[in-house]
N, C-alpha and C. Protein backbone atom coordinates (compact mmCIF):
# COMPACT_ATOMS: atom_id res chain seq x y z
N UNK A 1 61.32 -10.52 -40.94
CA UNK A 1 60.84 -11.53 -41.98
C UNK A 1 59.52 -11.09 -42.78
N UNK A 2 60.00 -11.36 -43.97
CA UNK A 2 58.97 -10.79 -44.94
C UNK A 2 57.73 -11.65 -45.18
N UNK A 3 56.73 -11.27 -45.09
CA UNK A 3 55.39 -12.19 -44.92
C UNK A 3 54.93 -12.45 -46.38
N UNK A 4 54.27 -13.43 -46.73
CA UNK A 4 53.76 -13.83 -47.81
C UNK A 4 52.76 -12.76 -48.57
N UNK A 5 52.80 -12.62 -50.01
CA UNK A 5 52.10 -11.57 -50.63
C UNK A 5 50.96 -12.11 -51.02
N UNK A 6 49.64 -11.60 -50.55
CA UNK A 6 48.44 -12.07 -51.20
C UNK A 6 48.03 -11.70 -52.46
N UNK A 7 47.48 -12.56 -53.24
CA UNK A 7 47.10 -12.25 -54.55
C UNK A 7 45.58 -11.96 -54.52
N UNK A 8 45.04 -10.65 -54.46
CA UNK A 8 43.84 -10.21 -54.30
C UNK A 8 42.68 -10.80 -55.50
N UNK A 9 43.29 -10.71 -56.55
CA UNK A 9 42.41 -11.22 -57.81
C UNK A 9 42.29 -12.74 -57.75
N UNK A 10 43.40 -13.44 -57.17
CA UNK A 10 43.28 -14.85 -57.23
C UNK A 10 42.38 -15.25 -56.01
N UNK A 11 42.21 -14.65 -55.02
CA UNK A 11 41.38 -15.03 -53.89
C UNK A 11 39.98 -15.31 -54.24
N UNK A 12 39.28 -16.19 -53.80
CA UNK A 12 37.83 -16.56 -54.22
C UNK A 12 37.04 -16.68 -53.01
N UNK A 13 35.85 -16.18 -53.09
CA UNK A 13 34.57 -16.39 -52.08
C UNK A 13 34.02 -17.75 -52.35
N UNK A 14 34.10 -18.59 -51.48
CA UNK A 14 33.53 -19.87 -51.47
C UNK A 14 32.11 -19.98 -50.90
N UNK A 15 31.92 -19.07 -49.86
CA UNK A 15 30.59 -19.24 -49.24
C UNK A 15 30.07 -17.88 -48.86
N UNK A 16 29.01 -17.21 -49.10
CA UNK A 16 28.39 -15.96 -48.66
C UNK A 16 27.05 -16.28 -48.01
N UNK A 17 27.20 -16.47 -46.57
CA UNK A 17 25.96 -16.56 -45.79
C UNK A 17 25.90 -15.19 -44.71
N UNK A 18 24.68 -15.33 -44.01
CA UNK A 18 24.47 -13.98 -43.11
C UNK A 18 25.54 -13.83 -42.34
N UNK A 19 26.01 -14.64 -41.52
CA UNK A 19 26.98 -14.47 -40.44
C UNK A 19 28.42 -15.05 -40.90
N UNK A 20 28.46 -15.54 -41.84
CA UNK A 20 30.03 -16.16 -42.26
C UNK A 20 30.20 -16.22 -43.58
N UNK A 21 31.52 -15.94 -43.93
CA UNK A 21 31.97 -16.05 -45.33
C UNK A 21 33.07 -16.92 -45.51
N UNK A 22 33.30 -17.75 -46.46
CA UNK A 22 34.49 -18.70 -46.52
C UNK A 22 35.32 -18.14 -47.88
N UNK A 23 36.45 -18.07 -47.74
CA UNK A 23 37.47 -17.54 -48.74
C UNK A 23 38.36 -18.55 -48.86
N UNK A 24 38.89 -18.83 -50.09
CA UNK A 24 40.15 -19.27 -50.50
C UNK A 24 41.26 -18.32 -50.75
N UNK A 25 42.14 -18.03 -49.91
CA UNK A 25 43.01 -16.99 -50.01
C UNK A 25 44.19 -17.74 -50.95
N UNK A 26 44.63 -16.77 -51.80
CA UNK A 26 45.61 -17.14 -52.61
C UNK A 26 46.88 -16.28 -52.71
N UNK A 27 48.11 -16.78 -52.65
CA UNK A 27 49.26 -15.88 -52.57
C UNK A 27 50.09 -15.98 -53.75
N UNK A 28 51.04 -15.05 -53.92
CA UNK A 28 51.80 -15.01 -55.09
C UNK A 28 52.83 -16.33 -55.26
N UNK A 29 53.21 -16.96 -54.16
CA UNK A 29 54.04 -17.99 -54.18
C UNK A 29 53.16 -19.30 -54.60
N UNK A 30 51.99 -19.29 -54.60
CA UNK A 30 51.10 -20.40 -55.00
C UNK A 30 50.42 -20.99 -53.73
N UNK A 31 50.75 -20.47 -52.47
CA UNK A 31 50.10 -21.12 -51.33
C UNK A 31 48.44 -20.62 -51.49
N UNK A 32 47.73 -21.59 -50.92
CA UNK A 32 46.49 -21.33 -50.76
C UNK A 32 45.82 -21.81 -49.43
N UNK A 33 44.96 -20.91 -48.93
CA UNK A 33 44.47 -21.20 -47.51
C UNK A 33 42.95 -20.70 -47.53
N UNK A 34 42.28 -21.69 -46.74
CA UNK A 34 40.78 -21.51 -46.32
C UNK A 34 40.85 -20.41 -45.11
N UNK A 35 39.95 -19.47 -45.17
CA UNK A 35 39.57 -18.48 -44.36
C UNK A 35 38.25 -18.24 -44.03
N UNK A 36 37.74 -18.71 -42.83
CA UNK A 36 36.19 -18.30 -42.46
C UNK A 36 36.25 -16.97 -41.78
N UNK A 37 35.31 -16.03 -42.08
CA UNK A 37 35.35 -14.71 -41.78
C UNK A 37 33.90 -14.16 -41.52
N UNK A 38 33.74 -13.36 -40.73
CA UNK A 38 32.44 -12.52 -40.64
C UNK A 38 32.52 -11.41 -41.63
N UNK A 39 33.56 -11.20 -42.23
CA UNK A 39 33.63 -10.13 -43.13
C UNK A 39 33.53 -10.42 -44.40
N UNK A 40 33.22 -9.33 -45.43
CA UNK A 40 33.09 -9.55 -46.81
C UNK A 40 34.30 -9.26 -47.50
N UNK A 41 34.37 -9.33 -48.68
CA UNK A 41 35.68 -9.05 -49.43
C UNK A 41 36.12 -7.76 -49.25
N UNK A 42 35.27 -6.70 -49.02
CA UNK A 42 35.78 -5.37 -48.97
C UNK A 42 36.47 -4.91 -47.76
N UNK A 43 36.42 -5.84 -46.67
CA UNK A 43 37.13 -5.63 -45.46
C UNK A 43 37.77 -6.71 -44.72
N UNK A 44 38.13 -7.55 -45.69
CA UNK A 44 38.89 -9.07 -45.18
C UNK A 44 40.04 -8.46 -44.50
N UNK A 45 40.24 -9.01 -43.41
CA UNK A 45 41.61 -8.57 -42.61
C UNK A 45 42.97 -8.95 -43.35
N UNK A 46 42.91 -10.14 -44.17
CA UNK A 46 43.98 -10.57 -44.78
C UNK A 46 44.54 -9.54 -45.79
N UNK A 47 43.57 -8.63 -46.31
CA UNK A 47 43.88 -7.75 -47.32
C UNK A 47 44.44 -6.35 -46.77
N UNK A 48 44.35 -6.06 -45.40
CA UNK A 48 44.71 -5.01 -44.83
C UNK A 48 46.22 -4.58 -44.62
N UNK A 49 46.28 -3.25 -44.81
CA UNK A 49 47.77 -2.89 -44.68
C UNK A 49 48.05 -2.53 -43.11
N UNK A 50 49.06 -2.16 -42.71
CA UNK A 50 49.51 -1.79 -41.42
C UNK A 50 48.59 -0.75 -40.77
N UNK A 51 48.38 0.26 -41.49
CA UNK A 51 47.50 1.44 -41.13
C UNK A 51 46.16 0.90 -40.87
N UNK A 52 45.65 0.17 -41.53
CA UNK A 52 44.09 -0.34 -41.62
C UNK A 52 44.18 -1.24 -40.31
N UNK A 53 45.07 -1.94 -40.08
CA UNK A 53 45.01 -3.01 -38.99
C UNK A 53 45.28 -2.12 -37.76
N UNK A 54 46.02 -1.26 -37.79
CA UNK A 54 45.99 -0.48 -36.42
C UNK A 54 44.64 0.30 -36.09
N UNK A 55 43.95 0.71 -37.21
CA UNK A 55 42.43 1.24 -36.90
C UNK A 55 41.28 0.13 -36.73
N UNK A 56 41.59 -1.16 -36.78
CA UNK A 56 40.71 -2.17 -36.91
C UNK A 56 39.82 -2.36 -35.72
N UNK A 57 38.46 -2.32 -35.83
CA UNK A 57 37.62 -2.67 -34.69
C UNK A 57 37.42 -4.19 -34.73
N UNK A 58 37.21 -4.74 -33.60
CA UNK A 58 37.06 -6.31 -33.67
C UNK A 58 35.69 -6.63 -34.14
N UNK A 59 35.21 -7.96 -34.24
CA UNK A 59 34.02 -8.32 -34.60
C UNK A 59 33.17 -8.39 -33.44
N UNK A 60 33.65 -8.61 -32.33
CA UNK A 60 32.75 -8.85 -31.11
C UNK A 60 33.47 -8.22 -29.96
N UNK A 61 32.51 -8.28 -28.89
CA UNK A 61 33.08 -7.87 -27.48
C UNK A 61 32.60 -9.04 -26.46
N UNK A 62 33.39 -9.13 -25.55
CA UNK A 62 33.10 -9.98 -24.33
C UNK A 62 33.60 -9.43 -23.07
N UNK A 63 32.93 -9.93 -21.97
CA UNK A 63 33.32 -9.12 -20.69
C UNK A 63 33.54 -10.11 -19.42
N UNK A 64 34.48 -9.74 -18.60
CA UNK A 64 34.39 -10.06 -17.20
C UNK A 64 33.29 -9.40 -16.41
N UNK A 65 32.11 -9.90 -16.24
CA UNK A 65 31.05 -8.89 -15.77
C UNK A 65 31.16 -9.20 -14.06
N UNK A 66 31.33 -8.28 -13.42
CA UNK A 66 31.69 -8.46 -11.80
C UNK A 66 30.61 -7.68 -11.12
N UNK A 67 30.06 -8.25 -10.30
CA UNK A 67 29.15 -7.68 -9.33
C UNK A 67 29.80 -7.53 -7.92
N UNK A 68 30.16 -6.18 -7.43
CA UNK A 68 31.04 -5.87 -6.35
C UNK A 68 30.50 -4.66 -5.56
N UNK A 69 29.37 -4.87 -4.81
CA UNK A 69 28.87 -3.85 -4.00
C UNK A 69 29.89 -3.53 -2.93
N UNK A 70 29.86 -2.27 -2.64
CA UNK A 70 30.95 -1.76 -1.71
C UNK A 70 30.69 -2.58 -0.23
N UNK A 71 31.94 -3.00 0.17
CA UNK A 71 31.82 -3.90 1.37
C UNK A 71 31.67 -5.20 1.29
N UNK A 72 31.58 -5.75 -0.17
CA UNK A 72 31.18 -7.36 -0.33
C UNK A 72 32.41 -7.85 -1.13
N UNK A 73 32.61 -8.86 -1.16
CA UNK A 73 33.60 -9.53 -1.98
C UNK A 73 33.03 -9.63 -3.35
N UNK A 74 33.86 -9.29 -4.31
CA UNK A 74 33.38 -9.25 -5.74
C UNK A 74 33.04 -10.75 -6.27
N UNK A 75 32.06 -10.60 -7.26
CA UNK A 75 31.70 -12.13 -7.76
C UNK A 75 31.61 -11.81 -9.23
N UNK A 76 32.12 -12.83 -9.92
CA UNK A 76 31.81 -12.75 -11.51
C UNK A 76 30.80 -13.37 -11.84
N UNK A 77 30.03 -12.93 -12.70
CA UNK A 77 28.82 -13.34 -13.35
C UNK A 77 29.16 -14.40 -14.80
N UNK A 78 28.69 -15.52 -14.71
CA UNK A 78 28.85 -16.54 -15.52
C UNK A 78 27.47 -17.21 -15.92
N UNK A 79 27.38 -17.63 -17.00
CA UNK A 79 26.19 -18.39 -17.28
C UNK A 79 26.55 -19.54 -18.34
N UNK A 80 25.42 -20.51 -18.52
CA UNK A 80 25.58 -21.60 -19.28
C UNK A 80 24.81 -21.09 -20.87
N UNK A 81 25.57 -21.22 -21.96
CA UNK A 81 25.00 -20.90 -23.11
C UNK A 81 25.26 -22.06 -24.08
N UNK A 82 24.07 -22.27 -24.90
CA UNK A 82 24.14 -23.33 -25.74
C UNK A 82 24.88 -22.72 -27.04
N UNK A 83 25.95 -23.68 -27.36
CA UNK A 83 26.92 -23.30 -28.42
C UNK A 83 26.68 -24.39 -29.51
N UNK A 84 25.93 -24.05 -30.74
CA UNK A 84 25.60 -24.99 -31.51
C UNK A 84 26.78 -25.68 -32.20
N UNK A 85 27.95 -25.19 -32.60
CA UNK A 85 28.99 -26.03 -33.24
C UNK A 85 29.54 -27.12 -32.21
N UNK A 86 29.32 -27.00 -30.92
CA UNK A 86 29.95 -27.98 -30.06
C UNK A 86 28.74 -28.72 -29.59
N UNK A 87 27.65 -28.41 -29.77
CA UNK A 87 26.46 -29.35 -29.39
C UNK A 87 26.30 -29.58 -28.02
N UNK A 88 26.60 -28.44 -27.13
CA UNK A 88 26.50 -28.51 -25.71
C UNK A 88 26.60 -27.02 -25.16
N UNK A 89 25.88 -27.03 -23.81
CA UNK A 89 26.00 -25.74 -23.04
C UNK A 89 27.35 -25.43 -22.47
N UNK A 90 28.02 -24.38 -22.78
CA UNK A 90 29.23 -24.03 -22.26
C UNK A 90 29.20 -22.87 -21.27
N UNK A 91 30.11 -22.93 -20.37
CA UNK A 91 30.28 -21.80 -19.38
C UNK A 91 30.72 -20.51 -20.01
N UNK A 92 29.89 -19.28 -20.23
CA UNK A 92 30.04 -18.27 -21.00
C UNK A 92 30.11 -16.94 -20.22
N UNK A 93 30.38 -15.94 -20.82
CA UNK A 93 30.21 -14.56 -20.35
C UNK A 93 29.64 -13.66 -21.32
N UNK A 94 29.08 -12.55 -20.82
CA UNK A 94 28.39 -11.67 -21.69
C UNK A 94 29.14 -11.28 -22.80
N UNK A 95 28.71 -11.48 -24.20
CA UNK A 95 29.41 -11.39 -25.40
C UNK A 95 28.44 -11.00 -26.55
N UNK A 96 28.81 -10.41 -27.62
CA UNK A 96 28.19 -10.13 -28.96
C UNK A 96 28.96 -9.52 -29.87
N UNK A 97 28.33 -9.64 -31.17
CA UNK A 97 28.80 -8.94 -32.27
C UNK A 97 28.76 -7.35 -32.04
N UNK A 98 29.61 -6.61 -32.78
CA UNK A 98 29.40 -5.23 -32.79
C UNK A 98 28.49 -4.73 -33.78
N UNK A 99 27.36 -4.04 -33.56
CA UNK A 99 26.61 -3.60 -34.55
C UNK A 99 27.02 -2.44 -35.31
N UNK A 100 26.51 -2.21 -36.46
CA UNK A 100 26.82 -0.84 -37.29
C UNK A 100 26.73 0.36 -36.55
N UNK A 101 25.65 0.49 -35.82
CA UNK A 101 25.39 1.68 -34.97
C UNK A 101 26.38 1.93 -33.91
N UNK A 102 26.90 0.63 -33.34
CA UNK A 102 27.87 0.90 -32.33
C UNK A 102 29.04 1.78 -32.89
N UNK A 103 29.43 1.47 -34.13
CA UNK A 103 30.61 1.89 -34.75
C UNK A 103 30.76 3.43 -34.70
N UNK A 104 29.39 4.15 -34.80
CA UNK A 104 29.35 5.45 -34.62
C UNK A 104 29.39 6.27 -33.33
N UNK A 105 29.45 5.32 -32.38
CA UNK A 105 29.66 5.81 -30.92
C UNK A 105 31.17 6.31 -30.63
N UNK A 106 31.26 7.19 -29.64
CA UNK A 106 32.57 7.69 -29.12
C UNK A 106 33.38 6.51 -28.80
N UNK A 107 32.73 5.61 -28.10
CA UNK A 107 33.33 4.30 -27.61
C UNK A 107 32.77 3.03 -28.19
N UNK A 108 32.96 2.60 -29.27
CA UNK A 108 32.08 1.67 -29.98
C UNK A 108 32.25 0.26 -29.06
N UNK A 109 33.39 -0.13 -28.51
CA UNK A 109 33.41 -1.30 -27.76
C UNK A 109 32.60 -1.07 -26.51
N UNK A 110 32.74 -0.10 -25.69
CA UNK A 110 31.74 0.10 -24.55
C UNK A 110 30.38 0.10 -24.77
N UNK A 111 30.18 0.70 -25.89
CA UNK A 111 28.76 1.01 -26.47
C UNK A 111 28.14 -0.46 -26.65
N UNK A 112 28.75 -1.24 -27.23
CA UNK A 112 28.40 -2.71 -27.61
C UNK A 112 28.26 -3.47 -26.33
N UNK A 113 29.19 -3.31 -25.53
CA UNK A 113 29.24 -4.15 -24.22
C UNK A 113 28.08 -3.87 -23.39
N UNK A 114 27.95 -2.63 -23.12
CA UNK A 114 26.67 -2.10 -22.25
C UNK A 114 25.39 -2.64 -22.79
N UNK A 115 25.26 -2.74 -24.12
CA UNK A 115 23.94 -3.28 -24.58
C UNK A 115 24.02 -4.75 -24.52
N UNK A 116 25.20 -5.50 -24.52
CA UNK A 116 25.27 -6.98 -24.64
C UNK A 116 24.85 -7.34 -22.96
N UNK A 117 25.42 -6.64 -22.11
CA UNK A 117 25.13 -6.88 -20.67
C UNK A 117 23.57 -6.82 -20.42
N UNK A 118 23.00 -5.81 -20.93
CA UNK A 118 21.61 -5.53 -20.76
C UNK A 118 20.72 -6.67 -21.37
N UNK A 119 21.04 -7.00 -22.56
CA UNK A 119 20.15 -7.98 -23.31
C UNK A 119 20.51 -9.37 -22.73
N UNK A 120 21.83 -9.86 -22.35
CA UNK A 120 22.10 -11.14 -21.91
C UNK A 120 21.99 -11.54 -20.37
N UNK A 121 22.08 -10.33 -19.62
CA UNK A 121 22.11 -10.45 -18.46
C UNK A 121 20.96 -9.53 -17.49
N UNK A 122 20.33 -8.65 -18.19
CA UNK A 122 19.32 -7.89 -17.73
C UNK A 122 19.80 -6.80 -16.83
N UNK A 123 20.98 -6.41 -16.84
CA UNK A 123 21.54 -5.29 -15.85
C UNK A 123 21.78 -4.18 -16.72
N UNK A 124 21.13 -3.15 -16.36
CA UNK A 124 21.28 -1.82 -16.93
C UNK A 124 22.38 -1.02 -16.18
N UNK A 125 23.56 -0.54 -16.72
CA UNK A 125 24.65 0.09 -15.83
C UNK A 125 24.10 1.58 -15.67
N UNK A 126 24.55 2.00 -14.47
CA UNK A 126 24.08 3.26 -13.88
C UNK A 126 25.24 3.90 -13.21
N UNK A 127 25.20 5.15 -12.87
CA UNK A 127 26.33 5.93 -12.37
C UNK A 127 26.89 4.96 -11.33
N UNK A 128 28.38 5.11 -11.26
CA UNK A 128 29.00 4.27 -10.24
C UNK A 128 29.48 2.93 -10.74
N UNK A 129 28.77 2.38 -11.78
CA UNK A 129 29.12 1.26 -12.44
C UNK A 129 30.29 1.67 -13.42
N UNK A 130 31.12 0.66 -13.78
CA UNK A 130 32.19 0.94 -14.82
C UNK A 130 32.26 -0.09 -15.91
N UNK A 131 32.70 0.21 -17.10
CA UNK A 131 33.02 -0.37 -18.22
C UNK A 131 34.21 -0.07 -18.97
N UNK A 132 35.19 -0.85 -19.02
CA UNK A 132 36.44 -0.53 -19.56
C UNK A 132 37.08 -1.43 -20.45
N UNK A 133 37.71 -1.05 -21.41
CA UNK A 133 38.48 -2.11 -22.26
C UNK A 133 39.92 -2.71 -21.65
N UNK A 134 40.02 -3.84 -21.61
CA UNK A 134 40.92 -4.49 -21.12
C UNK A 134 42.05 -4.94 -22.20
N UNK A 135 41.46 -5.46 -23.32
CA UNK A 135 42.22 -5.68 -24.65
C UNK A 135 41.49 -5.39 -25.75
N UNK A 136 41.64 -4.43 -26.74
CA UNK A 136 40.78 -3.99 -27.63
C UNK A 136 40.64 -5.07 -28.84
N UNK A 137 41.55 -5.92 -28.94
CA UNK A 137 41.33 -7.06 -30.11
C UNK A 137 42.11 -8.07 -29.91
N UNK A 138 41.51 -9.24 -29.80
CA UNK A 138 42.02 -10.56 -29.73
C UNK A 138 41.65 -11.52 -30.80
N UNK A 139 42.60 -12.15 -31.62
CA UNK A 139 42.11 -13.03 -32.52
C UNK A 139 41.55 -14.23 -31.99
N UNK A 140 40.51 -14.90 -32.10
CA UNK A 140 40.07 -16.11 -31.46
C UNK A 140 40.66 -17.23 -31.83
N UNK A 141 40.78 -17.46 -33.12
CA UNK A 141 41.38 -18.84 -33.73
C UNK A 141 41.80 -18.47 -35.03
N UNK A 142 43.15 -17.94 -35.02
CA UNK A 142 43.77 -17.48 -36.44
C UNK A 142 44.02 -18.32 -37.28
N UNK A 143 44.17 -19.93 -36.95
CA UNK A 143 44.45 -20.70 -37.78
C UNK A 143 43.31 -21.04 -38.81
N UNK A 144 42.18 -20.48 -38.46
CA UNK A 144 41.01 -20.91 -39.16
C UNK A 144 40.10 -19.52 -39.55
N UNK A 145 40.22 -18.48 -38.72
CA UNK A 145 39.33 -17.38 -39.12
C UNK A 145 40.05 -16.04 -38.79
N UNK A 146 39.61 -14.80 -39.23
CA UNK A 146 40.09 -13.55 -38.82
C UNK A 146 39.22 -13.26 -37.71
N UNK A 147 38.34 -13.85 -37.48
CA UNK A 147 37.23 -13.31 -36.21
C UNK A 147 38.19 -12.96 -35.12
N UNK A 148 37.64 -11.63 -34.46
CA UNK A 148 38.35 -11.09 -33.41
C UNK A 148 37.40 -10.72 -32.30
N UNK A 149 37.88 -10.50 -31.10
CA UNK A 149 36.93 -10.19 -30.05
C UNK A 149 37.78 -9.28 -29.10
N UNK A 150 37.03 -8.18 -28.46
CA UNK A 150 37.64 -7.29 -27.64
C UNK A 150 37.29 -7.81 -26.15
N UNK A 151 38.27 -7.77 -25.14
CA UNK A 151 37.87 -8.08 -23.81
C UNK A 151 37.68 -6.81 -22.86
N UNK A 152 36.61 -6.65 -22.21
CA UNK A 152 36.31 -5.69 -21.38
C UNK A 152 36.00 -6.17 -19.78
N UNK A 153 36.11 -5.20 -19.03
CA UNK A 153 35.75 -5.44 -17.62
C UNK A 153 34.57 -4.52 -17.15
N UNK A 154 33.52 -5.16 -16.77
CA UNK A 154 32.27 -4.19 -16.38
C UNK A 154 32.06 -4.73 -14.93
N UNK A 155 32.07 -3.69 -14.22
CA UNK A 155 31.73 -3.69 -12.61
C UNK A 155 30.69 -2.96 -12.30
N UNK A 156 29.68 -3.74 -11.65
CA UNK A 156 28.32 -3.34 -11.05
C UNK A 156 28.63 -3.20 -9.66
N UNK A 157 28.11 -1.89 -9.13
CA UNK A 157 28.25 -1.80 -7.76
C UNK A 157 27.10 -2.02 -6.88
N UNK A 158 25.98 -1.95 -7.53
CA UNK A 158 24.77 -2.61 -6.78
C UNK A 158 24.49 -4.08 -6.68
N UNK A 159 23.80 -4.38 -5.74
CA UNK A 159 23.45 -5.78 -5.58
C UNK A 159 22.62 -6.30 -6.80
N UNK A 160 23.03 -6.67 -7.73
CA UNK A 160 22.27 -6.79 -9.10
C UNK A 160 21.96 -8.27 -9.19
N UNK A 161 22.34 -9.26 -8.35
CA UNK A 161 22.21 -10.80 -8.77
C UNK A 161 20.67 -11.04 -8.88
N UNK A 162 19.82 -10.37 -8.13
CA UNK A 162 18.35 -10.69 -8.47
C UNK A 162 17.77 -10.20 -9.67
N UNK A 163 18.59 -9.31 -10.27
CA UNK A 163 18.07 -8.80 -11.59
C UNK A 163 18.33 -9.59 -12.81
N UNK A 164 19.44 -10.50 -12.52
CA UNK A 164 19.90 -11.26 -13.74
C UNK A 164 18.79 -12.10 -14.51
N UNK A 165 18.86 -11.91 -15.77
CA UNK A 165 17.78 -12.38 -16.54
C UNK A 165 18.20 -12.28 -17.97
N UNK A 166 17.77 -13.54 -18.96
CA UNK A 166 18.15 -13.58 -20.09
C UNK A 166 16.88 -13.27 -21.15
N UNK A 167 16.15 -12.51 -20.57
CA UNK A 167 14.78 -12.18 -21.18
C UNK A 167 15.11 -11.27 -22.60
N UNK A 168 16.10 -10.66 -22.50
CA UNK A 168 16.45 -9.77 -23.54
C UNK A 168 17.23 -10.26 -24.84
N UNK A 169 17.42 -11.68 -24.69
CA UNK A 169 18.10 -12.44 -25.78
C UNK A 169 17.24 -12.68 -26.98
N UNK A 170 17.72 -12.74 -28.31
CA UNK A 170 17.06 -12.81 -29.26
C UNK A 170 17.68 -13.96 -30.18
N UNK A 171 16.65 -14.34 -31.26
CA UNK A 171 17.20 -15.41 -32.24
C UNK A 171 17.38 -16.88 -31.52
N UNK A 172 18.61 -17.37 -31.89
CA UNK A 172 18.97 -18.66 -31.69
C UNK A 172 19.62 -18.73 -30.14
N UNK A 173 19.88 -17.56 -29.57
CA UNK A 173 20.54 -17.47 -28.25
C UNK A 173 19.78 -18.33 -27.12
N UNK A 174 20.55 -19.36 -26.46
CA UNK A 174 20.00 -20.05 -25.38
C UNK A 174 20.73 -20.00 -24.17
N UNK A 175 20.40 -19.07 -23.27
CA UNK A 175 20.98 -19.01 -21.92
C UNK A 175 20.34 -19.35 -20.62
N UNK A 176 20.99 -20.01 -19.73
CA UNK A 176 20.55 -20.40 -18.61
C UNK A 176 21.52 -20.31 -17.39
N UNK A 177 21.06 -20.65 -16.15
CA UNK A 177 21.92 -21.05 -15.11
C UNK A 177 22.92 -20.22 -14.74
N UNK A 178 22.48 -18.87 -14.59
CA UNK A 178 23.36 -17.81 -14.03
C UNK A 178 23.96 -18.11 -12.65
N UNK A 179 25.37 -17.89 -12.58
CA UNK A 179 26.12 -18.28 -11.36
C UNK A 179 26.85 -17.16 -11.18
N UNK A 180 27.25 -16.97 -9.75
CA UNK A 180 28.10 -15.94 -9.23
C UNK A 180 29.17 -16.81 -8.60
N UNK A 181 30.57 -16.13 -8.90
CA UNK A 181 31.50 -17.20 -8.37
C UNK A 181 32.38 -16.19 -7.71
N UNK A 182 33.00 -16.29 -6.48
CA UNK A 182 33.96 -15.44 -5.94
C UNK A 182 35.38 -16.05 -6.59
N UNK A 183 36.54 -15.07 -6.20
CA UNK A 183 37.69 -15.30 -6.75
C UNK A 183 38.23 -16.87 -6.58
N UNK A 184 38.04 -17.24 -5.37
CA UNK A 184 38.53 -18.65 -4.99
C UNK A 184 37.76 -19.74 -5.83
N UNK A 185 36.61 -19.57 -5.96
CA UNK A 185 35.67 -20.55 -6.86
C UNK A 185 36.13 -20.35 -8.48
N UNK A 186 36.44 -19.23 -8.70
CA UNK A 186 36.77 -18.99 -10.06
C UNK A 186 38.19 -19.49 -10.25
N UNK A 187 39.16 -19.40 -9.47
CA UNK A 187 40.30 -20.11 -9.62
C UNK A 187 40.14 -21.75 -9.64
N UNK A 188 39.38 -22.28 -8.83
CA UNK A 188 39.09 -23.70 -9.02
C UNK A 188 38.71 -24.12 -10.40
N UNK A 189 37.90 -23.34 -10.98
CA UNK A 189 37.32 -23.49 -12.40
C UNK A 189 38.54 -23.50 -13.29
N UNK A 190 39.25 -22.43 -13.29
CA UNK A 190 40.58 -22.21 -14.07
C UNK A 190 41.46 -23.58 -13.86
N UNK A 191 41.77 -23.91 -12.75
CA UNK A 191 42.68 -24.99 -12.25
C UNK A 191 42.06 -26.31 -12.82
N UNK A 192 40.93 -26.52 -12.86
CA UNK A 192 40.18 -27.95 -13.12
C UNK A 192 40.19 -27.93 -14.75
N UNK A 193 40.11 -26.63 -15.47
CA UNK A 193 39.82 -26.65 -16.81
C UNK A 193 38.54 -27.15 -17.43
N UNK A 194 37.51 -27.30 -16.45
CA UNK A 194 36.19 -27.50 -16.80
C UNK A 194 35.31 -26.80 -15.73
N UNK A 195 34.08 -26.72 -16.26
CA UNK A 195 33.08 -25.91 -15.49
C UNK A 195 32.43 -26.79 -14.44
N UNK A 196 31.54 -26.31 -13.54
CA UNK A 196 30.96 -27.23 -12.44
C UNK A 196 30.10 -28.31 -12.99
N UNK A 197 29.71 -28.09 -14.34
CA UNK A 197 28.89 -29.16 -14.95
C UNK A 197 29.79 -30.33 -15.68
N UNK A 198 31.14 -30.04 -15.67
CA UNK A 198 31.98 -30.97 -16.27
C UNK A 198 32.46 -30.69 -17.72
N UNK A 199 32.07 -29.66 -18.25
CA UNK A 199 32.29 -29.34 -19.57
C UNK A 199 33.40 -28.20 -19.68
N UNK A 200 34.15 -28.58 -20.87
CA UNK A 200 35.30 -27.48 -21.04
C UNK A 200 34.46 -26.05 -21.35
N UNK A 201 35.32 -24.98 -21.63
CA UNK A 201 34.75 -23.74 -21.73
C UNK A 201 35.60 -22.78 -22.95
N UNK A 202 34.98 -21.84 -23.25
CA UNK A 202 35.52 -21.09 -24.37
C UNK A 202 36.80 -20.25 -23.82
N UNK A 203 37.55 -19.89 -24.66
CA UNK A 203 38.72 -19.08 -24.64
C UNK A 203 38.33 -17.72 -23.99
N UNK A 204 37.24 -17.25 -24.37
CA UNK A 204 36.91 -15.90 -23.97
C UNK A 204 36.43 -16.05 -22.55
N UNK A 205 35.92 -17.23 -21.89
CA UNK A 205 35.74 -17.51 -20.47
C UNK A 205 36.86 -17.50 -19.89
N UNK A 206 37.72 -18.29 -20.39
CA UNK A 206 39.06 -18.44 -19.53
C UNK A 206 39.77 -16.94 -19.27
N UNK A 207 39.81 -16.07 -20.46
CA UNK A 207 40.17 -14.91 -20.41
C UNK A 207 39.68 -14.07 -19.44
N UNK A 208 38.21 -14.13 -19.28
CA UNK A 208 37.46 -13.19 -18.30
C UNK A 208 37.95 -13.83 -16.83
N UNK A 209 37.91 -15.36 -16.86
CA UNK A 209 38.13 -15.58 -15.25
C UNK A 209 39.55 -15.36 -14.80
N UNK A 210 40.61 -15.50 -15.87
CA UNK A 210 41.94 -15.22 -15.52
C UNK A 210 42.07 -13.63 -15.18
N UNK A 211 41.44 -12.73 -15.78
CA UNK A 211 41.51 -11.29 -15.50
C UNK A 211 40.71 -11.21 -14.09
N UNK A 212 39.66 -11.71 -13.81
CA UNK A 212 38.99 -11.46 -12.60
C UNK A 212 39.96 -12.12 -11.29
N UNK A 213 40.66 -13.35 -11.49
CA UNK A 213 41.36 -13.95 -10.50
C UNK A 213 42.61 -13.11 -10.10
N UNK A 214 43.46 -12.70 -11.37
CA UNK A 214 44.71 -12.40 -11.29
C UNK A 214 45.13 -10.99 -11.50
N UNK A 215 44.02 -10.26 -12.00
CA UNK A 215 44.39 -8.70 -12.41
C UNK A 215 43.37 -7.82 -11.70
N UNK A 216 42.29 -8.09 -11.09
CA UNK A 216 41.46 -7.25 -10.69
C UNK A 216 41.85 -6.98 -8.96
């Protein structure tokens, strides 16, 4: 099936802010579409060809962070994070944007994820711990935005629950109520579609829970 052809010259940037840009995409058949993006005009996903898309790095990383000391049942680490657009605390996983310096690393996604685990959870990965990519790029809400996120699995082999801390967070981040859940408890959350406080949760949290319960 032939895809619509975008008109680069006819596409307009409607908003240029620090963390978000808004474009009116224009296509040669007259179609117009609003696109919210973390990217500027020079690397907007809608303009990319197949080769560029194959090499595309996501905007962010998120992880199923699991504490699994040898001889103990594994538990996934979740916390409540205030998400301003929803006006509420939502059950969340370690996540964050990929920095420019991450892109120079041998494994940019792992580099970014290791940093976020340290900043948001206070855990420094050491020998014996693992961090691996589960899916390198998932579009979060492609009807509205070209934003994308990689999903990773981080396994900590030490008993790190006492070290959990959000002291490394910066700016507007608000994190509280660290919780560890067994696979049975995680499945109950998935089945309920709500967290233990009664709120719905983000797609990245659902993906991390699903991976933990059914794939690990």
